[in-house]
Amino acid sequence: MLKKGTHILDAILNHYYPKPKNKLGQARRLVELRLIMSKLLVDALVVFIGILSAGFGLRGFLMPNGFLDGGATGISLLISQLTGTKLSLLLLLVNLPFILLGYNLLGRQFAVKTALAIIGLAICVYFIPYPQITNDKLLVAVFGGFFLGAGIGLSVRGGAVIDGTEVLAIAMSRRSGLTIGDIILIVNIVIFSSAAWFLSIETALYAMLTYLSASKTVDFILEGIEEYTAVTIISLKWEKIGNMIKQKLGRGYTVYSGEKGVGRSGEKEYEMKILYSIVTRLEVSKLKLEIEKIDPNAFVVMSSVKDMKGGMIKKRRLK
C-alpha cells in the first residue's frame, strides 16, 4: 500500500515537475521541490494558527454574546441569528461563491488553500468547545475582533483567506472606478444597516466596533501591507524573473537600466537591469517563492502602494 502511494506521488510530481534527464537538472528539481514543500508546510502552519485564532474569537467572544462582524463572517453571523442556522454551515455556504471567484481571479492554488481554510474554520467552530471568556460588551467587541482579525491576517500571510469579501472587492474593483477599500466599506455598510434594521442599533454599533478592531489587527499582522504592493527586483537573472511574472502571475513589469555598486561578494560596478512590478498582497507569497526558485540571491524590495492610475494594473488573462 505504501509503495503504491509512493508511485502515485511520483506520478503527480512528474506531471507538474517533469524529471530532467541530466544530473544538474535533477539536482535543481530536487532543490525546488524541497523549497516548495517547506513553503507549503509553513503556509499550512500559519493558516492553521489563524483558523484557531478566528475560531476563538467567534466561539469565545462573538457568538455567545450575539455580536456581529463585517464581511462574509458578519453575513454568516447575521443569518445565523435571524434563522437559527448553524454558523459552521453558513460559513461554508456564504464563502462558496467567493472561493469560485478566487479560482478565476487568483488561480487554483489560492482557491484550494482558501477552501481548505474555510472548511477548517467551519470544523473548528462546530467541534472545538472554546470557553466563553466574558460578557462585557466592550471587551467582547475589542478582543473578539482582535482574535478574528488575527486569524484573517495569518490566513492571508499563508496565502489563503477565511473571509471571502476581499476576493469580491478585488473582482469588483477591476470593473469599476472604486478601490478595494471602498467596496469593502460599502459591503460592511449594508451589513451594519441590516443589523440595525433586523436586530437593534446597539448591535450594529458594537458590530462596527468589532469590525474596526478586526481590521486594525489584520493591518498589524500584515505589517501595514495595503491592497497593492510595489516590488523592485535586482537580479542577474532578471529575464527569467520577468518571464515568470508575466507567465505565472499574469502581471506586467517595467525594466530599468541601473548600475550595480559593491555587492555582498565585492563585485565591481557594472550595468544591470532592474525590474519593477505591482502585485496584490495575496500574490506576494507566491512571488517570493518563485523568485527564490530562480535566484535565491536576488535583492527584493517591497513597499505598500496607496493609490495608482494608468498602466497595466489589471491582471492579464493567461492563455
C-alpha atoms as a PDB file:
ATOM      1  CA  MET A   1       0.000   0.000   0.000  1.00  0.00           C
ATOM      2  CA  LEU A   2       2.844   2.358   0.904  1.00  0.00           C
ATOM      3  CA  LYS A   3       4.655   1.506  -2.317  1.00  0.00           C
ATOM      4  CA  LYS A   4       1.511   2.232  -4.343  1.00  0.00           C
ATOM      5  CA  GLY A   5       1.125   5.609  -2.611  1.00  0.00           C
ATOM      6  CA  THR A   6       4.760   6.417  -3.430  1.00  0.00           C
ATOM      7  CA  HIS A   7       4.153   5.669  -7.121  1.00  0.00           C
ATOM      8  CA  ILE A   8       1.088   7.943  -7.135  1.00  0.00           C
ATOM      9  CA  LEU A   9       3.093  10.773  -5.512  1.00  0.00           C
ATOM     10  CA  ASP A  10       5.902  10.320  -8.061  1.00  0.00           C
ATOM     11  CA  ALA A  11       3.354  10.458 -10.894  1.00  0.00           C
ATOM     12  CA  ILE A  12       1.902  13.720  -9.556  1.00  0.00           C
ATOM     13  CA  LEU A  13       5.346  15.276  -9.149  1.00  0.00           C
ATOM     14  CA  ASN A  14       6.414  14.188 -12.646  1.00  0.00           C
ATOM     15  CA  HIS A  15       3.225  15.674 -14.090  1.00  0.00           C
ATOM     16  CA  TYR A  16       3.809  19.141 -12.623  1.00  0.00           C
ATOM     17  CA  TYR A  17       7.606  18.996 -12.402  1.00  0.00           C
ATOM     18  CA  PRO A  18       8.967  16.713 -15.156  1.00  0.00           C
ATOM     19  CA  LYS A  19      12.163  14.948 -14.184  1.00  0.00           C
ATOM     20  CA  PRO A  20      15.110  16.241 -16.274  1.00  0.00           C
ATOM     21  CA  LYS A  21      17.468  13.787 -17.920  1.00  0.00           C
ATOM     22  CA  ASN A  22      20.738  15.410 -16.846  1.00  0.00           C
ATOM     23  CA  LYS A  23      22.035  15.301 -13.273  1.00  0.00           C
ATOM     24  CA  LEU A  24      22.268  19.086 -12.941  1.00  0.00           C
ATOM     25  CA  GLY A  25      18.592  19.472 -13.848  1.00  0.00           C
ATOM     26  CA  GLN A  26      17.616  16.699 -11.435  1.00  0.00           C
ATOM     27  CA  ALA A  27      19.537  18.354  -8.596  1.00  0.00           C
ATOM     28  CA  ARG A  28      17.868  21.685  -9.325  1.00  0.00           C
ATOM     29  CA  ARG A  29      14.455  19.984  -9.435  1.00  0.00           C
ATOM     30  CA  LEU A  30      15.111  18.400  -6.041  1.00  0.00           C
ATOM     31  CA  VAL A  31      16.041  21.788  -4.554  1.00  0.00           C
ATOM     32  CA  GLU A  32      12.882  23.365  -5.974  1.00  0.00           C
ATOM     33  CA  LEU A  33      10.694  20.544  -4.635  1.00  0.00           C
ATOM     34  CA  ARG A  34      12.213  20.892  -1.163  1.00  0.00           C
ATOM     35  CA  LEU A  35      11.668  24.635  -1.287  1.00  0.00           C
ATOM     36  CA  ILE A  36       8.031  24.201  -2.345  1.00  0.00           C
ATOM     37  CA  MET A  37       7.323  21.584   0.331  1.00  0.00           C
ATOM     38  CA  SER A  38       8.926  23.751   3.008  1.00  0.00           C
ATOM     39  CA  LYS A  39       6.869  26.754   1.916  1.00  0.00           C
ATOM     40  CA  LEU A  40       3.651  24.713   1.875  1.00  0.00           C
ATOM     41  CA  LEU A  41       4.302  23.408   5.385  1.00  0.00           C
ATOM     42  CA  VAL A  42       4.973  26.892   6.738  1.00  0.00           C
ATOM     43  CA  ASP A  43       1.860  28.270   4.997  1.00  0.00           C
ATOM     44  CA  ALA A  44      -0.242  25.397   6.355  1.00  0.00           C
ATOM     45  CA  LEU A  45       1.011  26.041   9.906  1.00  0.00           C
ATOM     46  CA  VAL A  46       0.314  29.781   9.658  1.00  0.00           C
ATOM     47  CA  VAL A  47      -3.200  29.198   8.262  1.00  0.00           C
ATOM     48  CA  PHE A  48      -3.881  26.572  10.953  1.00  0.00           C
ATOM     49  CA  ILE A  49      -2.948  29.022  13.720  1.00  0.00           C
ATOM     50  CA  GLY A  50      -5.132  31.632  12.002  1.00  0.00           C
ATOM     51  CA  ILE A  51      -8.095  29.232  11.977  1.00  0.00           C
ATOM     52  CA  LEU A  52      -7.692  28.525  15.701  1.00  0.00           C
ATOM     53  CA  SER A  53      -7.482  32.258  16.444  1.00  0.00           C
ATOM     54  CA  ALA A  54     -10.558  33.101  14.361  1.00  0.00           C
ATOM     55  CA  GLY A  55     -12.485  30.223  15.940  1.00  0.00           C
ATOM     56  CA  PHE A  56     -11.561  31.501  19.390  1.00  0.00           C
ATOM     57  CA  GLY A  57     -12.771  34.984  18.503  1.00  0.00           C
ATOM     58  CA  LEU A  58     -16.084  33.606  17.262  1.00  0.00           C
ATOM     59  CA  ARG A  59     -16.836  30.941  19.887  1.00  0.00           C
ATOM     60  CA  GLY A  60     -15.163  32.604  22.869  1.00  0.00           C
ATOM     61  CA  PHE A  61     -16.456  36.157  22.349  1.00  0.00           C
ATOM     62  CA  LEU A  62     -18.846  36.963  19.496  1.00  0.00           C
ATOM     63  CA  MET A  63     -21.282  34.038  19.243  1.00  0.00           C
ATOM     64  CA  PRO A  64     -22.202  33.668  22.952  1.00  0.00           C
ATOM     65  CA  ASN A  65     -22.970  37.407  23.155  1.00  0.00           C
ATOM     66  CA  GLY A  66     -24.844  37.776  19.856  1.00  0.00           C
ATOM     67  CA  PHE A  67     -22.190  40.054  18.311  1.00  0.00           C
ATOM     68  CA  LEU A  68     -21.567  40.603  14.602  1.00  0.00           C
ATOM     69  CA  ASP A  69     -18.597  41.474  12.423  1.00  0.00           C
ATOM     70  CA  GLY A  70     -18.157  42.752   8.890  1.00  0.00           C
ATOM     71  CA  GLY A  71     -17.531  40.806   5.699  1.00  0.00           C
ATOM     72  CA  ALA A  72     -18.633  37.279   4.908  1.00  0.00           C
ATOM     73  CA  THR A  73     -18.242  36.300   8.566  1.00  0.00           C
ATOM     74  CA  GLY A  74     -20.611  39.110   9.548  1.00  0.00           C
ATOM     75  CA  ILE A  75     -23.141  37.970   6.957  1.00  0.00           C
ATOM     76  CA  SER A  76     -22.946  34.426   8.349  1.00  0.00           C
ATOM     77  CA  LEU A  77     -23.377  35.643  11.940  1.00  0.00           C
ATOM     78  CA  LEU A  78     -26.357  37.803  10.966  1.00  0.00           C
ATOM     79  CA  ILE A  79     -28.136  34.994   9.094  1.00  0.00           C
ATOM     80  CA  SER A  80     -27.403  32.603  11.947  1.00  0.00           C
ATOM     81  CA  GLN A  81     -29.040  34.931  14.475  1.00  0.00           C
ATOM     82  CA  LEU A  82     -32.065  35.565  12.265  1.00  0.00           C
ATOM     83  CA  THR A  83     -32.698  31.951  11.195  1.00  0.00           C
ATOM     84  CA  GLY A  84     -31.035  29.828  13.862  1.00  0.00           C
ATOM     85  CA  THR A  85     -28.912  28.007  11.251  1.00  0.00           C
ATOM     86  CA  LYS A  86     -25.570  26.615  12.402  1.00  0.00           C
ATOM     87  CA  LEU A  87     -22.772  29.131  11.871  1.00  0.00           C
ATOM     88  CA  SER A  88     -20.385  26.429  10.661  1.00  0.00           C
ATOM     89  CA  LEU A  89     -22.722  25.592   7.760  1.00  0.00           C
ATOM     90  CA  LEU A  90     -23.273  29.247   6.893  1.00  0.00           C
ATOM     91  CA  LEU A  91     -19.530  29.921   6.784  1.00  0.00           C
ATOM     92  CA  LEU A  92     -19.263  27.321   4.019  1.00  0.00           C
ATOM     93  CA  LEU A  93     -22.327  28.447   2.054  1.00  0.00           C
ATOM     94  CA  VAL A  94     -21.638  32.195   2.218  1.00  0.00           C
ATOM     95  CA  ASN A  95     -17.971  31.824   1.233  1.00  0.00           C
ATOM     96  CA  LEU A  96     -18.538  29.280  -1.558  1.00  0.00           C
ATOM     97  CA  PRO A  97     -19.172  31.915  -4.298  1.00  0.00           C
ATOM     98  CA  PHE A  98     -16.045  33.791  -3.202  1.00  0.00           C
ATOM     99  CA  ILE A  99     -13.967  30.599  -3.490  1.00  0.00           C
ATOM    100  CA  LEU A 100     -15.168  30.097  -7.074  1.00  0.00           C
ATOM    101  CA  LEU A 101     -14.471  33.755  -7.815  1.00  0.00           C
ATOM    102  CA  GLY A 102     -10.998  33.418  -6.330  1.00  0.00           C
ATOM    103  CA  TYR A 103     -10.323  30.433  -8.588  1.00  0.00           C
ATOM    104  CA  ASN A 104     -10.975  32.582 -11.666  1.00  0.00           C
ATOM    105  CA  LEU A 105      -9.084  35.622 -10.359  1.00  0.00           C
ATOM    106  CA  LEU A 106      -6.127  34.259  -8.410  1.00  0.00           C
ATOM    107  CA  GLY A 107      -5.712  30.679  -9.580  1.00  0.00           C
ATOM    108  CA  ARG A 108      -6.275  27.118  -8.453  1.00  0.00           C
ATOM    109  CA  GLN A 109      -3.685  27.090  -5.671  1.00  0.00           C
ATOM    110  CA  PHE A 110      -5.271  30.079  -3.945  1.00  0.00           C
ATOM    111  CA  ALA A 111      -8.773  28.607  -4.323  1.00  0.00           C
ATOM    112  CA  VAL A 112      -7.712  25.240  -2.857  1.00  0.00           C
ATOM    113  CA  LYS A 113      -5.946  26.895   0.094  1.00  0.00           C
ATOM    114  CA  THR A 114      -8.939  29.133   0.740  1.00  0.00           C
ATOM    115  CA  ALA A 115     -11.433  26.264   0.513  1.00  0.00           C
ATOM    116  CA  LEU A 116      -9.406  24.181   2.972  1.00  0.00           C
ATOM    117  CA  ALA A 117      -9.018  27.157   5.324  1.00  0.00           C
ATOM    118  CA  ILE A 118     -12.761  27.912   5.355  1.00  0.00           C
ATOM    119  CA  ILE A 119     -13.616  24.221   5.832  1.00  0.00           C
ATOM    120  CA  GLY A 120     -11.103  24.147   8.680  1.00  0.00           C
ATOM    121  CA  LEU A 121     -12.716  27.185  10.288  1.00  0.00           C
ATOM    122  CA  ALA A 122     -16.180  25.628   9.998  1.00  0.00           C
ATOM    123  CA  ILE A 123     -14.939  22.403  11.608  1.00  0.00           C
ATOM    124  CA  CYS A 124     -13.184  24.395  14.323  1.00  0.00           C
ATOM    125  CA  VAL A 125     -16.319  26.413  15.142  1.00  0.00           C
ATOM    126  CA  TYR A 126     -18.501  23.298  15.207  1.00  0.00           C
ATOM    127  CA  PHE A 127     -16.341  20.866  17.173  1.00  0.00           C
ATOM    128  CA  ILE A 128     -13.910  22.759  19.436  1.00  0.00           C
ATOM    129  CA  PRO A 129     -15.546  23.705  22.778  1.00  0.00           C
ATOM    130  CA  TYR A 130     -13.995  27.133  23.281  1.00  0.00           C
ATOM    131  CA  PRO A 131     -14.858  28.626  26.681  1.00  0.00           C
ATOM    132  CA  GLN A 132     -16.884  31.832  26.887  1.00  0.00           C
ATOM    133  CA  ILE A 133     -14.417  34.436  28.110  1.00  0.00           C
ATOM    134  CA  THR A 134     -16.528  37.428  29.119  1.00  0.00           C
ATOM    135  CA  ASN A 135     -19.945  39.073  28.910  1.00  0.00           C
ATOM    136  CA  ASP A 136     -18.603  42.628  28.984  1.00  0.00           C
ATOM    137  CA  LYS A 137     -19.741  44.162  25.687  1.00  0.00           C
ATOM    138  CA  LEU A 138     -16.706  46.392  25.219  1.00  0.00           C
ATOM    139  CA  LEU A 139     -14.277  43.540  25.868  1.00  0.00           C
ATOM    140  CA  VAL A 140     -16.232  41.254  23.556  1.00  0.00           C
ATOM    141  CA  ALA A 141     -16.120  43.797  20.712  1.00  0.00           C
ATOM    142  CA  VAL A 142     -12.426  44.626  21.128  1.00  0.00           C
ATOM    143  CA  PHE A 143     -10.964  41.192  21.823  1.00  0.00           C
ATOM    144  CA  GLY A 144     -13.433  39.257  19.680  1.00  0.00           C
ATOM    145  CA  GLY A 145     -12.454  41.491  16.783  1.00  0.00           C
ATOM    146  CA  PHE A 146      -8.784  41.163  17.705  1.00  0.00           C
ATOM    147  CA  PHE A 147      -8.702  37.343  17.593  1.00  0.00           C
ATOM    148  CA  LEU A 148     -10.882  37.207  14.489  1.00  0.00           C
ATOM    149  CA  GLY A 149      -8.696  39.785  12.746  1.00  0.00           C
ATOM    150  CA  ALA A 150      -5.551  37.920  13.770  1.00  0.00           C
ATOM    151  CA  GLY A 151      -6.990  34.778  12.204  1.00  0.00           C
ATOM    152  CA  ILE A 152      -7.823  36.566   8.958  1.00  0.00           C
ATOM    153  CA  GLY A 153      -4.398  38.218   8.818  1.00  0.00           C
ATOM    154  CA  LEU A 154      -2.497  34.990   9.464  1.00  0.00           C
ATOM    155  CA  SER A 155      -4.528  33.223   6.784  1.00  0.00           C
ATOM    156  CA  VAL A 156      -3.605  35.909   4.258  1.00  0.00           C
ATOM    157  CA  ARG A 157       0.043  35.533   5.258  1.00  0.00           C
ATOM    158  CA  GLY A 158      -0.334  31.839   4.467  1.00  0.00           C
ATOM    159  CA  GLY A 159      -1.762  32.567   1.006  1.00  0.00           C
ATOM    160  CA  ALA A 160      -5.461  31.981   1.775  1.00  0.00           C
ATOM    161  CA  VAL A 161      -8.472  33.855   3.131  1.00  0.00           C
ATOM    162  CA  ILE A 162     -11.141  32.795   5.612  1.00  0.00           C
ATOM    163  CA  ASP A 163     -13.379  35.745   4.726  1.00  0.00           C
ATOM    164  CA  GLY A 164     -14.201  35.988   1.029  1.00  0.00           C
ATOM    165  CA  THR A 165     -15.229  39.654   0.943  1.00  0.00           C
ATOM    166  CA  GLU A 166     -11.763  40.716  -0.125  1.00  0.00           C
ATOM    167  CA  VAL A 167     -11.901  38.480  -3.199  1.00  0.00           C
ATOM    168  CA  LEU A 168     -15.220  40.072  -4.155  1.00  0.00           C
ATOM    169  CA  ALA A 169     -13.709  43.530  -3.673  1.00  0.00           C
ATOM    170  CA  ILE A 170     -10.766  42.695  -5.956  1.00  0.00           C
ATOM    171  CA  ALA A 171     -13.150  41.475  -8.679  1.00  0.00           C
ATOM    172  CA  MET A 172     -15.437  44.498  -8.465  1.00  0.00           C
ATOM    173  CA  SER A 173     -12.568  46.999  -8.350  1.00  0.00           C
ATOM    174  CA  ARG A 174     -11.364  45.736 -11.715  1.00  0.00           C
ATOM    175  CA  ARG A 175     -14.724  46.530 -13.281  1.00  0.00           C
ATOM    176  CA  SER A 176     -15.340  49.874 -11.617  1.00  0.00           C
ATOM    177  CA  GLY A 177     -13.548  53.027 -10.551  1.00  0.00           C
ATOM    178  CA  LEU A 178     -13.778  52.085  -6.873  1.00  0.00           C
ATOM    179  CA  THR A 179     -10.843  50.906  -4.798  1.00  0.00           C
ATOM    180  CA  ILE A 180     -10.827  47.624  -2.864  1.00  0.00           C
ATOM    181  CA  GLY A 181     -11.192  49.571   0.387  1.00  0.00           C
ATOM    182  CA  ASP A 182     -14.225  51.450  -0.959  1.00  0.00           C
ATOM    183  CA  ILE A 183     -16.006  48.231  -1.948  1.00  0.00           C
ATOM    184  CA  ILE A 184     -15.322  46.555   1.403  1.00  0.00           C
ATOM    185  CA  LEU A 185     -16.668  49.672   3.132  1.00  0.00           C
ATOM    186  CA  ILE A 186     -19.867  49.592   1.043  1.00  0.00           C
ATOM    187  CA  VAL A 187     -20.409  45.883   1.785  1.00  0.00           C
ATOM    188  CA  ASN A 188     -19.971  46.473   5.500  1.00  0.00           C
ATOM    189  CA  ILE A 189     -22.334  49.467   5.489  1.00  0.00           C
ATOM    190  CA  VAL A 190     -25.005  47.154   4.046  1.00  0.00           C
ATOM    191  CA  ILE A 191     -24.279  44.533   6.732  1.00  0.00           C
ATOM    192  CA  PHE A 192     -24.370  47.018   9.614  1.00  0.00           C
ATOM    193  CA  SER A 193     -27.523  48.674   8.283  1.00  0.00           C
ATOM    194  CA  SER A 194     -29.203  45.270   8.058  1.00  0.00           C
ATOM    195  CA  ALA A 195     -28.120  44.512  11.626  1.00  0.00           C
ATOM    196  CA  ALA A 196     -29.625  47.797  12.820  1.00  0.00           C
ATOM    197  CA  TRP A 197     -32.892  47.067  10.968  1.00  0.00           C
ATOM    198  CA  PHE A 198     -33.363  43.398  11.894  1.00  0.00           C
ATOM    199  CA  LEU A 199     -31.749  43.350  15.334  1.00  0.00           C
ATOM    200  CA  SER A 200     -31.027  46.682  17.010  1.00  0.00           C
ATOM    201  CA  ILE A 201     -28.993  49.853  16.571  1.00  0.00           C
ATOM    202  CA  GLU A 202     -26.894  48.916  19.592  1.00  0.00           C
ATOM    203  CA  THR A 203     -25.968  45.593  17.963  1.00  0.00           C
ATOM    204  CA  ALA A 204     -24.970  47.413  14.774  1.00  0.00           C
ATOM    205  CA  LEU A 205     -22.804  49.883  16.706  1.00  0.00           C
ATOM    206  CA  TYR A 206     -20.990  47.109  18.539  1.00  0.00           C
ATOM    207  CA  ALA A 207     -20.571  45.306  15.208  1.00  0.00           C
ATOM    208  CA  MET A 208     -18.820  48.414  13.840  1.00  0.00           C
ATOM    209  CA  LEU A 209     -16.501  48.432  16.846  1.00  0.00           C
ATOM    210  CA  THR A 210     -15.762  44.733  16.359  1.00  0.00           C
ATOM    211  CA  TYR A 211     -15.005  45.319  12.689  1.00  0.00           C
ATOM    212  CA  LEU A 212     -12.651  48.216  13.462  1.00  0.00           C
ATOM    213  CA  SER A 213     -10.769  46.072  15.961  1.00  0.00           C
ATOM    214  CA  ALA A 214     -10.539  43.194  13.461  1.00  0.00           C
ATOM    215  CA  SER A 215      -9.443  45.378  10.529  1.00  0.00           C
ATOM    216  CA  LYS A 216      -6.721  47.103  12.554  1.00  0.00           C
ATOM    217  CA  THR A 217      -5.446  43.734  13.717  1.00  0.00           C
ATOM    218  CA  VAL A 218      -5.356  42.484  10.124  1.00  0.00           C
ATOM    219  CA  ASP A 219      -3.296  45.539   9.149  1.00  0.00           C
ATOM    220  CA  PHE A 220      -0.965  44.891  12.060  1.00  0.00           C
ATOM    221  CA  ILE A 221      -0.497  41.214  11.182  1.00  0.00           C
ATOM    222  CA  LEU A 222       0.216  42.084   7.561  1.00  0.00           C
ATOM    223  CA  GLU A 223       2.697  44.791   8.656  1.00  0.00           C
ATOM    224  CA  GLY A 224       0.773  47.592   7.057  1.00  0.00           C
ATOM    225  CA  ILE A 225       0.555  45.993   3.605  1.00  0.00           C
ATOM    226  CA  GLU A 226      -2.188  47.693   1.582  1.00  0.00           C
ATOM    227  CA  GLU A 227      -4.225  46.286  -1.297  1.00  0.00           C
ATOM    228  CA  TYR A 228      -1.320  46.517  -3.760  1.00  0.00           C
ATOM    229  CA  THR A 229       2.397  46.040  -3.205  1.00  0.00           C
ATOM    230  CA  ALA A 230       5.188  47.528  -5.321  1.00  0.00           C
ATOM    231  CA  VAL A 231       8.110  45.147  -5.891  1.00  0.00           C
ATOM    232  CA  THR A 232      11.605  46.111  -7.033  1.00  0.00           C
ATOM    233  CA  ILE A 233      13.852  43.200  -8.028  1.00  0.00           C
ATOM    234  CA  ILE A 234      17.589  43.380  -8.666  1.00  0.00           C
ATOM    235  CA  SER A 235      18.975  40.154 -10.124  1.00  0.00           C
ATOM    236  CA  LEU A 236      21.343  38.943 -12.811  1.00  0.00           C
ATOM    237  CA  LYS A 237      18.558  36.564 -13.875  1.00  0.00           C
ATOM    238  CA  TRP A 238      16.124  39.411 -14.485  1.00  0.00           C
ATOM    239  CA  GLU A 239      14.904  37.968 -17.806  1.00  0.00           C
ATOM    240  CA  LYS A 240      13.773  34.691 -16.211  1.00  0.00           C
ATOM    241  CA  ILE A 241      12.129  36.544 -13.326  1.00  0.00           C
ATOM    242  CA  GLY A 242      10.367  38.876 -15.767  1.00  0.00           C
ATOM    243  CA  ASN A 243       9.025  35.915 -17.741  1.00  0.00           C
ATOM    244  CA  MET A 244       7.836  34.316 -14.511  1.00  0.00           C
ATOM    245  CA  ILE A 245       5.953  37.490 -13.510  1.00  0.00           C
ATOM    246  CA  LYS A 246       4.308  37.595 -16.927  1.00  0.00           C
ATOM    247  CA  GLN A 247       3.517  33.894 -17.312  1.00  0.00           C
ATOM    248  CA  LYS A 248       2.754  32.667 -13.766  1.00  0.00           C
ATOM    249  CA  LEU A 249       1.305  35.828 -12.196  1.00  0.00           C
ATOM    250  CA  GLY A 250      -0.135  37.444 -15.309  1.00  0.00           C
ATOM    251  CA  ARG A 251       1.334  40.786 -14.264  1.00  0.00           C
ATOM    252  CA  GLY A 252       3.203  43.418 -16.217  1.00  0.00           C
ATOM    253  CA  TYR A 253       6.571  44.834 -15.227  1.00  0.00           C
ATOM    254  CA  THR A 254       8.924  47.688 -16.032  1.00  0.00           C
ATOM    255  CA  VAL A 255      12.660  47.297 -16.694  1.00  0.00           C
ATOM    256  CA  TYR A 256      15.077  49.978 -15.515  1.00  0.00           C
ATOM    257  CA  SER A 257      18.714  50.323 -16.516  1.00  0.00           C
ATOM    258  CA  GLY A 258      20.904  50.625 -13.454  1.00  0.00           C
ATOM    259  CA  GLU A 259      24.455  50.270 -12.259  1.00  0.00           C
ATOM    260  CA  LYS A 260      25.461  47.874  -9.510  1.00  0.00           C
ATOM    261  CA  GLY A 261      27.788  49.072  -6.796  1.00  0.00           C
ATOM    262  CA  VAL A 262      29.858  46.912  -4.472  1.00  0.00           C
ATOM    263  CA  GLY A 263      27.774  43.889  -3.541  1.00  0.00           C
ATOM    264  CA  ARG A 264      27.997  41.146  -0.936  1.00  0.00           C
ATOM    265  CA  SER A 265      30.867  39.434  -2.754  1.00  0.00           C
ATOM    266  CA  GLY A 266      32.735  42.644  -3.519  1.00  0.00           C
ATOM    267  CA  GLU A 267      31.796  42.857  -7.192  1.00  0.00           C
ATOM    268  CA  LYS A 268      32.903  45.799  -9.235  1.00  0.00           C
ATOM    269  CA  GLU A 269      30.447  48.317 -10.632  1.00  0.00           C
ATOM    270  CA  TYR A 270      28.687  47.222 -13.802  1.00  0.00           C
ATOM    271  CA  GLU A 271      25.433  47.891 -15.628  1.00  0.00           C
ATOM    272  CA  MET A 272      22.411  45.726 -14.935  1.00  0.00           C
ATOM    273  CA  LYS A 273      18.634  45.639 -15.291  1.00  0.00           C
ATOM    274  CA  ILE A 274      16.122  46.322 -12.503  1.00  0.00           C
ATOM    275  CA  LEU A 275      12.550  45.001 -12.524  1.00  0.00           C
ATOM    276  CA  TYR A 276       9.584  46.874 -11.077  1.00  0.00           C
ATOM    277  CA  SER A 277       6.097  45.386 -10.775  1.00  0.00           C
ATOM    278  CA  ILE A 278       2.811  45.782  -8.880  1.00  0.00           C
ATOM    279  CA  VAL A 279       1.054  42.780  -7.319  1.00  0.00           C
ATOM    280  CA  THR A 280      -1.787  42.282  -4.840  1.00  0.00           C
ATOM    281  CA  ARG A 281      -0.933  41.325  -1.277  1.00  0.00           C
ATOM    282  CA  LEU A 282      -2.440  37.888  -1.889  1.00  0.00           C
ATOM    283  CA  GLU A 283       0.181  37.294  -4.604  1.00  0.00           C
ATOM    284  CA  VAL A 284       3.212  38.400  -2.568  1.00  0.00           C
ATOM    285  CA  SER A 285       3.790  34.954  -1.046  1.00  0.00           C
ATOM    286  CA  LYS A 286       3.772  33.223  -4.442  1.00  0.00           C
ATOM    287  CA  LEU A 287       6.019  35.893  -5.994  1.00  0.00           C
ATOM    288  CA  LYS A 288       8.667  35.497  -3.281  1.00  0.00           C
ATOM    289  CA  LEU A 289       8.645  31.713  -3.692  1.00  0.00           C
ATOM    290  CA  GLU A 290       9.064  31.908  -7.478  1.00  0.00           C
ATOM    291  CA  ILE A 291      11.880  34.478  -7.202  1.00  0.00           C
ATOM    292  CA  GLU A 292      13.704  32.296  -4.684  1.00  0.00           C
ATOM    293  CA  LYS A 293      13.424  29.328  -7.038  1.00  0.00           C
ATOM    294  CA  ILE A 294      15.036  31.318  -9.872  1.00  0.00           C
ATOM    295  CA  ASP A 295      17.608  33.358  -7.932  1.00  0.00           C
ATOM    296  CA  PRO A 296      17.958  32.913  -4.148  1.00  0.00           C
ATOM    297  CA  ASN A 297      20.419  35.845  -4.077  1.00  0.00           C
ATOM    298  CA  ALA A 298      18.047  38.312  -5.726  1.00  0.00           C
ATOM    299  CA  PHE A 299      17.641  41.634  -3.913  1.00  0.00           C
ATOM    300  CA  VAL A 300      13.900  42.286  -3.474  1.00  0.00           C
ATOM    301  CA  VAL A 301      12.344  45.463  -2.034  1.00  0.00           C
ATOM    302  CA  MET A 302       8.594  45.674  -1.322  1.00  0.00           C
ATOM    303  CA  SER A 303       6.544  48.701  -0.360  1.00  0.00           C
ATOM    304  CA  SER A 304       2.837  49.389   0.050  1.00  0.00           C
ATOM    305  CA  VAL A 305       1.026  51.356  -2.654  1.00  0.00           C
ATOM    306  CA  LYS A 306      -1.618  53.849  -1.556  1.00  0.00           C
ATOM    307  CA  ASP A 307      -3.037  54.744  -4.963  1.00  0.00           C
ATOM    308  CA  MET A 308      -2.463  54.029  -8.675  1.00  0.00           C
ATOM    309  CA  LYS A 309      -3.692  55.258 -12.025  1.00  0.00           C
ATOM    310  CA  GLY A 310      -2.977  54.100 -15.554  1.00  0.00           C
ATOM    311  CA  GLY A 311      -0.661  51.317 -16.661  1.00  0.00           C
ATOM    312  CA  MET A 312      -1.485  47.612 -16.666  1.00  0.00           C
ATOM    313  CA  ILE A 313      -2.864  47.337 -13.142  1.00  0.00           C
ATOM    314  CA  LYS A 314      -5.414  44.720 -14.049  1.00  0.00           C
ATOM    315  CA  LYS A 315      -4.212  41.150 -14.273  1.00  0.00           C
ATOM    316  CA  ARG A 316      -3.656  39.740 -17.760  1.00  0.00           C
ATOM    317  CA  ARG A 317      -5.625  36.683 -18.802  1.00  0.00           C
ATOM    318  CA  LEU A 318      -3.171  33.835 -19.287  1.00  0.00           C
ATOM    319  CA  LYS A 319      -3.580  31.723 -22.416  1.00  0.00           C
END
